[in-house]
PDB file of N, CA and C in Angstrom:
ATOM      1  N   MET A   1      11.616 -17.698  -8.286  1.00  0.00           N
ATOM      2  CA  MET A   1      11.516 -16.470  -9.042  1.00  0.00           C
ATOM      3  C   MET A   1      12.459 -15.439  -8.447  1.00  0.00           C
ATOM      4  N   SER A   2      12.939 -14.599  -9.310  1.00  0.00           N
ATOM      5  CA  SER A   2      13.837 -13.549  -8.848  1.00  0.00           C
ATOM      6  C   SER A   2      13.050 -12.450  -8.135  1.00  0.00           C
ATOM      7  N   ASP A   3      13.746 -11.681  -7.324  1.00  0.00           N
ATOM      8  CA  ASP A   3      13.104 -10.562  -6.631  1.00  0.00           C
ATOM      9  C   ASP A   3      12.535  -9.556  -7.626  1.00  0.00           C
ATOM     10  N   ASN A   4      13.233  -9.361  -8.735  1.00  0.00           N
ATOM     11  CA  ASN A   4      12.767  -8.429  -9.757  1.00  0.00           C
ATOM     12  C   ASN A   4      11.454  -8.900 -10.381  1.00  0.00           C
ATOM     13  N   THR A   5      11.341 -10.187 -10.667  1.00  0.00           N
ATOM     14  CA  THR A   5      10.109 -10.735 -11.240  1.00  0.00           C
ATOM     15  C   THR A   5       8.952 -10.586 -10.266  1.00  0.00           C
ATOM     16  N   ILE A   6       9.193 -10.860  -8.999  1.00  0.00           N
ATOM     17  CA  ILE A   6       8.142 -10.724  -7.987  1.00  0.00           C
ATOM     18  C   ILE A   6       7.697  -9.272  -7.878  1.00  0.00           C
ATOM     19  N   LYS A   7       8.644  -8.336  -7.923  1.00  0.00           N
ATOM     20  CA  LYS A   7       8.306  -6.908  -7.845  1.00  0.00           C
ATOM     21  C   LYS A   7       7.490  -6.481  -9.069  1.00  0.00           C
ATOM     22  N   GLU A   8       7.838  -6.952 -10.254  1.00  0.00           N
ATOM     23  CA  GLU A   8       7.082  -6.638 -11.469  1.00  0.00           C
ATOM     24  C   GLU A   8       5.669  -7.199 -11.391  1.00  0.00           C
ATOM     25  N   MET A   9       5.523  -8.394 -10.864  1.00  0.00           N
ATOM     26  CA  MET A   9       4.197  -8.993 -10.709  1.00  0.00           C
ATOM     27  C   MET A   9       3.355  -8.172  -9.736  1.00  0.00           C
ATOM     28  N   GLU A  10       3.947  -7.769  -8.629  1.00  0.00           N
ATOM     29  CA  GLU A  10       3.234  -6.958  -7.649  1.00  0.00           C
ATOM     30  C   GLU A  10       2.803  -5.622  -8.245  1.00  0.00           C
ATOM     31  N   THR A  11       3.687  -4.989  -9.001  1.00  0.00           N
ATOM     32  CA  THR A  11       3.356  -3.720  -9.656  1.00  0.00           C
ATOM     33  C   THR A  11       2.196  -3.895 -10.621  1.00  0.00           C
ATOM     34  N   THR A  12       2.197  -4.976 -11.376  1.00  0.00           N
ATOM     35  CA  THR A  12       1.109  -5.255 -12.320  1.00  0.00           C
ATOM     36  C   THR A  12      -0.205  -5.460 -11.585  1.00  0.00           C
ATOM     37  N   ILE A  13      -0.193  -6.237 -10.522  1.00  0.00           N
ATOM     38  CA  ILE A  13      -1.416  -6.510  -9.752  1.00  0.00           C
ATOM     39  C   ILE A  13      -1.969  -5.239  -9.134  1.00  0.00           C
ATOM     40  N   LEU A  14      -1.100  -4.396  -8.585  1.00  0.00           N
ATOM     41  CA  LEU A  14      -1.551  -3.187  -7.902  1.00  0.00           C
ATOM     42  C   LEU A  14      -1.910  -2.058  -8.866  1.00  0.00           C
ATOM     43  N   SER A  15      -1.526  -2.177 -10.136  1.00  0.00           N
ATOM     44  CA  SER A  15      -1.832  -1.141 -11.128  1.00  0.00           C
ATOM     45  C   SER A  15      -2.887  -1.576 -12.140  1.00  0.00           C
ATOM     46  N   PHE A  16      -3.373  -2.797 -12.036  1.00  0.00           N
ATOM     47  CA  PHE A  16      -4.284  -3.366 -13.021  1.00  0.00           C
ATOM     48  C   PHE A  16      -5.633  -2.646 -13.021  1.00  0.00           C
ATOM     49  N   LYS A  17      -6.243  -2.547 -14.174  1.00  0.00           N
ATOM     50  CA  LYS A  17      -7.597  -1.983 -14.302  1.00  0.00           C
ATOM     51  C   LYS A  17      -8.583  -3.134 -14.139  1.00  0.00           C
ATOM     52  N   TYR A  18      -9.169  -3.232 -12.951  1.00  0.00           N
ATOM     53  CA  TYR A  18     -10.057  -4.342 -12.638  1.00  0.00           C
ATOM     54  C   TYR A  18     -11.498  -4.122 -13.078  1.00  0.00           C
ATOM     55  N   TRP A  19     -11.869  -2.868 -13.379  1.00  0.00           N
ATOM     56  CA  TRP A  19     -13.248  -2.634 -13.786  1.00  0.00           C
ATOM     57  C   TRP A  19     -13.325  -1.445 -14.721  1.00  0.00           C
ATOM     58  N   MET A  20     -14.393  -1.390 -15.497  1.00  0.00           N
ATOM     59  CA  MET A  20     -14.533  -0.392 -16.563  1.00  0.00           C
ATOM     60  C   MET A  20     -14.605   1.042 -16.065  1.00  0.00           C
ATOM     61  N   ASP A  21     -14.989   1.268 -14.822  1.00  0.00           N
ATOM     62  CA  ASP A  21     -15.086   2.640 -14.326  1.00  0.00           C
ATOM     63  C   ASP A  21     -13.759   3.173 -13.792  1.00  0.00           C
ATOM     64  N   GLU A  22     -12.721   2.371 -13.833  1.00  0.00           N
ATOM     65  CA  GLU A  22     -11.402   2.826 -13.424  1.00  0.00           C
ATOM     66  C   GLU A  22     -10.723   3.532 -14.591  1.00  0.00           C
ATOM     67  N   PRO A  23      -9.843   4.493 -14.306  1.00  0.00           N
ATOM     68  CA  PRO A  23      -9.206   5.254 -15.381  1.00  0.00           C
ATOM     69  C   PRO A  23      -8.288   4.402 -16.245  1.00  0.00           C
ATOM     70  N   GLY A  24      -8.108   4.854 -17.475  1.00  0.00           N
ATOM     71  CA  GLY A  24      -7.194   4.196 -18.401  1.00  0.00           C
ATOM     72  C   GLY A  24      -7.904   3.626 -19.608  1.00  0.00           C
ATOM     73  N   ASP A  25      -7.187   3.618 -20.713  1.00  0.00           N
ATOM     74  CA  ASP A  25      -7.704   3.054 -21.958  1.00  0.00           C
ATOM     75  C   ASP A  25      -7.311   1.590 -22.050  1.00  0.00           C
ATOM     76  N   ASP A  26      -8.206   0.786 -22.570  1.00  0.00           N
ATOM     77  CA  ASP A  26      -7.929  -0.626 -22.769  1.00  0.00           C
ATOM     78  C   ASP A  26      -8.903  -1.175 -23.798  1.00  0.00           C
ATOM     79  N   SER A  27      -8.709  -2.395 -24.166  1.00  0.00           N
ATOM     80  CA  SER A  27      -9.631  -3.046 -25.101  1.00  0.00           C
ATOM     81  C   SER A  27     -10.214  -4.309 -24.474  1.00  0.00           C
ATOM     82  N   MET A  28     -10.313  -4.300 -23.143  1.00  0.00           N
ATOM     83  CA  MET A  28     -10.827  -5.477 -22.447  1.00  0.00           C
ATOM     84  C   MET A  28     -12.353  -5.502 -22.494  1.00  0.00           C
ATOM     85  N   CYS A  29     -12.899  -6.687 -22.455  1.00  0.00           N
ATOM     86  CA  CYS A  29     -14.341  -6.882 -22.470  1.00  0.00           C
ATOM     87  C   CYS A  29     -14.837  -7.066 -21.041  1.00  0.00           C
ATOM     88  N   TYR A  30     -15.671  -6.136 -20.583  1.00  0.00           N
ATOM     89  CA  TYR A  30     -16.229  -6.208 -19.240  1.00  0.00           C
ATOM     90  C   TYR A  30     -17.719  -6.581 -19.259  1.00  0.00           C
ATOM     91  N   TRP A  31     -18.295  -6.757 -20.435  1.00  0.00           N
ATOM     92  CA  TRP A  31     -19.752  -6.843 -20.544  1.00  0.00           C
ATOM     93  C   TRP A  31     -20.324  -8.226 -20.362  1.00  0.00           C
ATOM     94  N   SER A  32     -19.594  -9.263 -20.728  1.00  0.00           N
ATOM     95  CA  SER A  32     -20.179 -10.593 -20.615  1.00  0.00           C
ATOM     96  C   SER A  32     -20.051 -11.115 -19.187  1.00  0.00           C
ATOM     97  N   GLU A  33     -20.957 -11.979 -18.815  1.00  0.00           N
ATOM     98  CA  GLU A  33     -21.003 -12.478 -17.443  1.00  0.00           C
ATOM     99  C   GLU A  33     -19.721 -13.206 -17.056  1.00  0.00           C
ATOM    100  N   ASN A  34     -19.161 -13.989 -17.965  1.00  0.00           N
ATOM    101  CA  ASN A  34     -17.945 -14.716 -17.621  1.00  0.00           C
ATOM    102  C   ASN A  34     -16.776 -13.763 -17.391  1.00  0.00           C
ATOM    103  N   HIS A  35     -16.688 -12.687 -18.171  1.00  0.00           N
ATOM    104  CA  HIS A  35     -15.623 -11.710 -17.948  1.00  0.00           C
ATOM    105  C   HIS A  35     -15.843 -10.962 -16.635  1.00  0.00           C
ATOM    106  N   GLN A  36     -17.077 -10.625 -16.333  1.00  0.00           N
ATOM    107  CA  GLN A  36     -17.363  -9.952 -15.074  1.00  0.00           C
ATOM    108  C   GLN A  36     -16.941 -10.816 -13.891  1.00  0.00           C
ATOM    109  N   LEU A  37     -17.235 -12.089 -13.961  1.00  0.00           N
ATOM    110  CA  LEU A  37     -16.855 -13.012 -12.898  1.00  0.00           C
ATOM    111  C   LEU A  37     -15.332 -13.111 -12.772  1.00  0.00           C
ATOM    112  N   LEU A  38     -14.641 -13.188 -13.900  1.00  0.00           N
ATOM    113  CA  LEU A  38     -13.177 -13.273 -13.866  1.00  0.00           C
ATOM    114  C   LEU A  38     -12.552 -12.012 -13.275  1.00  0.00           C
ATOM    115  N   PHE A  39     -12.993 -10.825 -13.718  1.00  0.00           N
ATOM    116  CA  PHE A  39     -12.442  -9.579 -13.194  1.00  0.00           C
ATOM    117  C   PHE A  39     -12.749  -9.432 -11.708  1.00  0.00           C
ATOM    118  N   PHE A  40     -13.964  -9.760 -11.298  1.00  0.00           N
ATOM    119  CA  PHE A  40     -14.328  -9.668  -9.890  1.00  0.00           C
ATOM    120  C   PHE A  40     -13.485 -10.618  -9.041  1.00  0.00           C
ATOM    121  N   THR A  41     -13.303 -11.844  -9.513  1.00  0.00           N
ATOM    122  CA  THR A  41     -12.504 -12.826  -8.777  1.00  0.00           C
ATOM    123  C   THR A  41     -11.060 -12.375  -8.656  1.00  0.00           C
ATOM    124  N   CYS A  42     -10.497 -11.862  -9.745  1.00  0.00           N
ATOM    125  CA  CYS A  42      -9.117 -11.360  -9.692  1.00  0.00           C
ATOM    126  C   CYS A  42      -8.996 -10.213  -8.695  1.00  0.00           C
ATOM    127  N   ALA A  43      -9.948  -9.285  -8.730  1.00  0.00           N
ATOM    128  CA  ALA A  43      -9.929  -8.150  -7.802  1.00  0.00           C
ATOM    129  C   ALA A  43     -10.070  -8.631  -6.361  1.00  0.00           C
ATOM    130  N   TYR A  44     -10.947  -9.581  -6.125  1.00  0.00           N
ATOM    131  CA  TYR A  44     -11.168 -10.109  -4.779  1.00  0.00           C
ATOM    132  C   TYR A  44      -9.906 -10.774  -4.239  1.00  0.00           C
ATOM    133  N   VAL A  45      -9.308 -11.647  -5.031  1.00  0.00           N
ATOM    134  CA  VAL A  45      -8.105 -12.365  -4.584  1.00  0.00           C
ATOM    135  C   VAL A  45      -6.958 -11.384  -4.364  1.00  0.00           C
ATOM    136  N   ALA A  46      -6.782 -10.447  -5.277  1.00  0.00           N
ATOM    137  CA  ALA A  46      -5.715  -9.452  -5.118  1.00  0.00           C
ATOM    138  C   ALA A  46      -5.946  -8.608  -3.873  1.00  0.00           C
ATOM    139  N   GLY A  47      -7.186  -8.212  -3.640  1.00  0.00           N
ATOM    140  CA  GLY A  47      -7.512  -7.418  -2.462  1.00  0.00           C
ATOM    141  C   GLY A  47      -7.281  -8.164  -1.164  1.00  0.00           C
ATOM    142  N   ARG A  48      -7.562  -9.443  -1.156  1.00  0.00           N
ATOM    143  CA  ARG A  48      -7.315 -10.256   0.042  1.00  0.00           C
ATOM    144  C   ARG A  48      -5.814 -10.405   0.300  1.00  0.00           C
ATOM    145  N   TYR A  49      -5.047 -10.583  -0.765  1.00  0.00           N
ATOM    146  CA  TYR A  49      -3.602 -10.782  -0.622  1.00  0.00           C
ATOM    147  C   TYR A  49      -2.891  -9.477  -0.269  1.00  0.00           C
ATOM    148  N   TYR A  50      -3.309  -8.388  -0.915  1.00  0.00           N
ATOM    149  CA  TYR A  50      -2.704  -7.074  -0.682  1.00  0.00           C
ATOM    150  C   TYR A  50      -3.703  -6.184   0.055  1.00  0.00           C
ATOM    151  N   ASP A  51      -4.174  -6.640   1.190  1.00  0.00           N
ATOM    152  CA  ASP A  51      -5.274  -5.948   1.865  1.00  0.00           C
ATOM    153  C   ASP A  51      -4.931  -4.552   2.369  1.00  0.00           C
ATOM    154  N   HIS A  52      -3.678  -4.242   2.629  1.00  0.00           N
ATOM    155  CA  HIS A  52      -3.316  -2.906   3.113  1.00  0.00           C
ATOM    156  C   HIS A  52      -2.544  -2.095   2.070  1.00  0.00           C
ATOM    157  N   GLU A  53      -2.422  -2.613   0.868  1.00  0.00           N
ATOM    158  CA  GLU A  53      -1.725  -1.904  -0.205  1.00  0.00           C
ATOM    159  C   GLU A  53      -2.711  -1.037  -0.981  1.00  0.00           C
ATOM    160  N   LEU A  54      -2.202   0.033  -1.572  1.00  0.00           N
ATOM    161  CA  LEU A  54      -3.019   0.912  -2.406  1.00  0.00           C
ATOM    162  C   LEU A  54      -3.050   0.375  -3.835  1.00  0.00           C
ATOM    163  N   PHE A  55      -4.238   0.157  -4.348  1.00  0.00           N
ATOM    164  CA  PHE A  55      -4.401  -0.218  -5.749  1.00  0.00           C
ATOM    165  C   PHE A  55      -4.436   1.094  -6.536  1.00  0.00           C
ATOM    166  N   ARG A  56      -3.366   1.343  -7.296  1.00  0.00           N
ATOM    167  CA  ARG A  56      -3.116   2.661  -7.883  1.00  0.00           C
ATOM    168  C   ARG A  56      -4.208   3.118  -8.845  1.00  0.00           C
ATOM    169  N   ASN A  57      -4.805   2.229  -9.572  1.00  0.00           N
ATOM    170  CA  ASN A  57      -5.801   2.624 -10.575  1.00  0.00           C
ATOM    171  C   ASN A  57      -7.121   3.022  -9.940  1.00  0.00           C
ATOM    172  N   SER A  58      -7.528   2.336  -8.903  1.00  0.00           N
ATOM    173  CA  SER A  58      -8.807   2.651  -8.264  1.00  0.00           C
ATOM    174  C   SER A  58      -8.662   3.632  -7.106  1.00  0.00           C
ATOM    175  N   GLY A  59      -7.468   3.705  -6.527  1.00  0.00           N
ATOM    176  CA  GLY A  59      -7.248   4.555  -5.366  1.00  0.00           C
ATOM    177  C   GLY A  59      -7.725   3.930  -4.065  1.00  0.00           C
ATOM    178  N   LEU A  60      -8.113   2.672  -4.104  1.00  0.00           N
ATOM    179  CA  LEU A  60      -8.611   1.960  -2.917  1.00  0.00           C
ATOM    180  C   LEU A  60      -7.543   0.986  -2.403  1.00  0.00           C
ATOM    181  N   THR A  61      -7.670   0.631  -1.140  1.00  0.00           N
ATOM    182  CA  THR A  61      -6.831  -0.439  -0.623  1.00  0.00           C
ATOM    183  C   THR A  61      -7.579  -1.752  -0.800  1.00  0.00           C
ATOM    184  N   GLY A  62      -6.866  -2.839  -0.643  1.00  0.00           N
ATOM    185  CA  GLY A  62      -7.524  -4.140  -0.736  1.00  0.00           C
ATOM    186  C   GLY A  62      -8.579  -4.327   0.340  1.00  0.00           C
ATOM    187  N   HIS A  63      -8.415  -3.648   1.450  1.00  0.00           N
ATOM    188  CA  HIS A  63      -9.359  -3.746   2.568  1.00  0.00           C
ATOM    189  C   HIS A  63     -10.647  -2.987   2.296  1.00  0.00           C
ATOM    190  N   SER A  64     -10.577  -1.932   1.479  1.00  0.00           N
ATOM    191  CA  SER A  64     -11.773  -1.100   1.270  1.00  0.00           C
ATOM    192  C   SER A  64     -12.687  -1.575   0.211  1.00  0.00           C
TER     193      SER A  64
END
């Protein structure tokens, strides 16, 4: 992958709305159990990988 593609992926991961209480409009479904599990798993994996980075939408680091 190109450096530009990797940077775009990182920006998407760090700016993603992982839960309904985070700011921003979307049409994602957070209510069903399978969606909750998917969003939680994505947030967990991203937080482990980017543990010292700031997640822009929540204002938290992956460590917090």
